[in-house]
C-alpha atoms as a PDB file:
ATOM      1  CA  MET A   1      25.697  12.249  33.503  1.00  0.00           C
ATOM      2  CA  LEU A   2      25.875   9.592  30.721  1.00  0.00           C
ATOM      3  CA  GLU A   3      26.143  10.878  27.195  1.00  0.00           C
ATOM      4  CA  LYS A   4      24.248   9.202  24.353  1.00  0.00           C
ATOM      5  CA  ARG A   5      26.295   8.365  21.305  1.00  0.00           C
ATOM      6  CA  ARG A   6      25.872   6.348  18.091  1.00  0.00           C
ATOM      7  CA  PHE A   7      28.433   3.563  17.501  1.00  0.00           C
ATOM      8  CA  PRO A   8      28.807   0.478  15.240  1.00  0.00           C
ATOM      9  CA  ILE A   9      26.636  -2.545  16.054  1.00  0.00           C
ATOM     10  CA  GLU A  10      29.518  -4.791  14.961  1.00  0.00           C
ATOM     11  CA  MET A  11      31.639  -3.560  17.923  1.00  0.00           C
ATOM     12  CA  ILE A  12      29.385  -5.062  20.389  1.00  0.00           C
ATOM     13  CA  TYR A  13      29.976  -8.288  22.140  1.00  0.00           C
ATOM     14  CA  VAL A  14      27.136 -10.089  23.745  1.00  0.00           C
ATOM     15  CA  PRO A  15      27.999 -12.547  26.563  1.00  0.00           C
ATOM     16  CA  GLY A  16      26.558 -16.015  26.048  1.00  0.00           C
ATOM     17  CA  LYS A  17      24.646 -15.916  29.348  1.00  0.00           C
ATOM     18  CA  ARG A  18      22.952 -12.856  28.202  1.00  0.00           C
ATOM     19  CA  ALA A  19      22.323 -14.002  24.665  1.00  0.00           C
ATOM     20  CA  LYS A  20      20.436 -17.082  26.086  1.00  0.00           C
ATOM     21  CA  THR A  21      17.761 -14.653  27.363  1.00  0.00           C
ATOM     22  CA  LEU A  22      16.779 -13.502  23.895  1.00  0.00           C
ATOM     23  CA  ASP A  23      13.010 -13.656  23.014  1.00  0.00           C
ATOM     24  CA  ALA A  24      12.592 -13.688  19.256  1.00  0.00           C
ATOM     25  CA  ASP A  25       9.016 -12.438  19.460  1.00  0.00           C
ATOM     26  CA  MET A  26       9.906  -9.501  21.510  1.00  0.00           C
ATOM     27  CA  VAL A  27      12.626  -8.739  18.927  1.00  0.00           C
ATOM     28  CA  LEU A  28       9.953  -8.606  16.050  1.00  0.00           C
ATOM     29  CA  VAL A  29       7.662  -6.311  18.312  1.00  0.00           C
ATOM     30  CA  LEU A  30      10.661  -3.941  19.011  1.00  0.00           C
ATOM     31  CA  ALA A  31      11.700  -3.952  15.365  1.00  0.00           C
ATOM     32  CA  GLU A  32       8.143  -2.877  14.297  1.00  0.00           C
ATOM     33  CA  ASP A  33       8.179  -0.155  16.915  1.00  0.00           C
ATOM     34  CA  ILE A  34      11.644   1.071  15.983  1.00  0.00           C
ATOM     35  CA  LEU A  35      10.521   1.339  12.302  1.00  0.00           C
ATOM     36  CA  GLU A  36       7.428   3.494  13.445  1.00  0.00           C
ATOM     37  CA  ASN A  37       9.027   5.561  16.129  1.00  0.00           C
ATOM     38  CA  GLY A  38      12.887   5.092  15.970  1.00  0.00           C
ATOM     39  CA  GLN A  39      15.091   3.887  18.788  1.00  0.00           C
ATOM     40  CA  LYS A  40      13.700   5.456  21.849  1.00  0.00           C
ATOM     41  CA  THR A  41      15.984   4.073  24.651  1.00  0.00           C
ATOM     42  CA  PRO A  42      19.756   3.765  24.219  1.00  0.00           C
ATOM     43  CA  VAL A  43      21.565   0.492  25.018  1.00  0.00           C
ATOM     44  CA  ARG A  44      24.255   0.413  27.717  1.00  0.00           C
ATOM     45  CA  ARG A  45      27.721  -0.939  27.041  1.00  0.00           C
ATOM     46  CA  ARG A  46      31.115  -0.996  28.796  1.00  0.00           C
ATOM     47  CA  PRO A  47      34.546  -0.806  26.899  1.00  0.00           C
ATOM     48  CA  ASP A  48      36.450  -4.056  26.666  1.00  0.00           C
ATOM     49  CA  GLY A  49      39.773  -3.422  24.661  1.00  0.00           C
ATOM     50  CA  GLN A  50      38.755  -2.740  21.027  1.00  0.00           C
ATOM     51  CA  ARG A  51      35.068  -3.598  21.513  1.00  0.00           C
ATOM     52  CA  TYR A  52      32.190  -3.069  23.821  1.00  0.00           C
ATOM     53  CA  VAL A  53      30.331  -5.467  26.024  1.00  0.00           C
ATOM     54  CA  LEU A  54      26.569  -5.185  26.120  1.00  0.00           C
ATOM     55  CA  ILE A  55      25.340  -4.447  29.673  1.00  0.00           C
ATOM     56  CA  GLU A  56      21.525  -3.669  28.830  1.00  0.00           C
ATOM     57  CA  GLY A  57      19.435  -3.614  25.807  1.00  0.00           C
ATOM     58  CA  LEU A  58      19.784  -7.066  24.062  1.00  0.00           C
ATOM     59  CA  HIS A  59      16.490  -6.978  22.348  1.00  0.00           C
ATOM     60  CA  ARG A  60      16.975  -3.419  20.953  1.00  0.00           C
ATOM     61  CA  LEU A  61      20.287  -4.391  19.736  1.00  0.00           C
ATOM     62  CA  GLU A  62      18.821  -7.526  17.963  1.00  0.00           C
ATOM     63  CA  ALA A  63      15.877  -5.558  16.596  1.00  0.00           C
ATOM     64  CA  LEU A  64      18.259  -2.906  14.957  1.00  0.00           C
ATOM     65  CA  ARG A  65      20.438  -5.660  13.622  1.00  0.00           C
ATOM     66  CA  ALA A  66      17.287  -7.429  12.150  1.00  0.00           C
ATOM     67  CA  LEU A  67      16.411  -4.132  10.472  1.00  0.00           C
ATOM     68  CA  GLY A  68      19.821  -3.976   8.770  1.00  0.00           C
ATOM     69  CA  GLU A  69      21.066  -1.007  10.851  1.00  0.00           C
ATOM     70  CA  GLU A  70      24.849  -0.587  11.276  1.00  0.00           C
ATOM     71  CA  GLU A  71      24.663   1.746  14.096  1.00  0.00           C
ATOM     72  CA  ILE A  72      22.925   2.052  17.576  1.00  0.00           C
ATOM     73  CA  ASP A  73      22.365   4.773  20.142  1.00  0.00           C
ATOM     74  CA  GLY A  74      24.012   3.881  23.419  1.00  0.00           C
ATOM     75  CA  PHE A  75      25.473   5.074  26.783  1.00  0.00           C
ATOM     76  CA  LEU A  76      29.127   4.238  27.680  1.00  0.00           C
ATOM     77  CA  VAL A  77      29.281   2.994  31.267  1.00  0.00           C
ATOM     78  CA  ARG A  78      32.393   2.223  33.255  1.00  0.00           C
ATOM     79  CA  ALA A  79      32.803  -1.120  35.170  1.00  0.00           C
ATOM     80  CA  ARG A  80      32.738  -0.876  38.848  1.00  0.00           C
ATOM     81  CA  LEU A  81      36.104  -1.628  40.598  1.00  0.00           C
ATOM     82  CA  HIS A  82      35.726  -3.496  43.824  1.00  0.00           C
END
């Protein structure tokens, strides 16, 4: 079972390929919703040394960053070993 935790936004690395999928209009819509209702869905991240790599939740991350938040709710997931 995944455990939701708060952690610093500054510790999240967004891979370039994922960052290219950012939709600025969606970020604004999410930021407005978060202002009214709070963050409903945690992001997913995996550990990578001293930081975390974002797995899911780019628009939520950027909406919270745009709102000036320093922390975000998220689940810690482990990378699959093949």
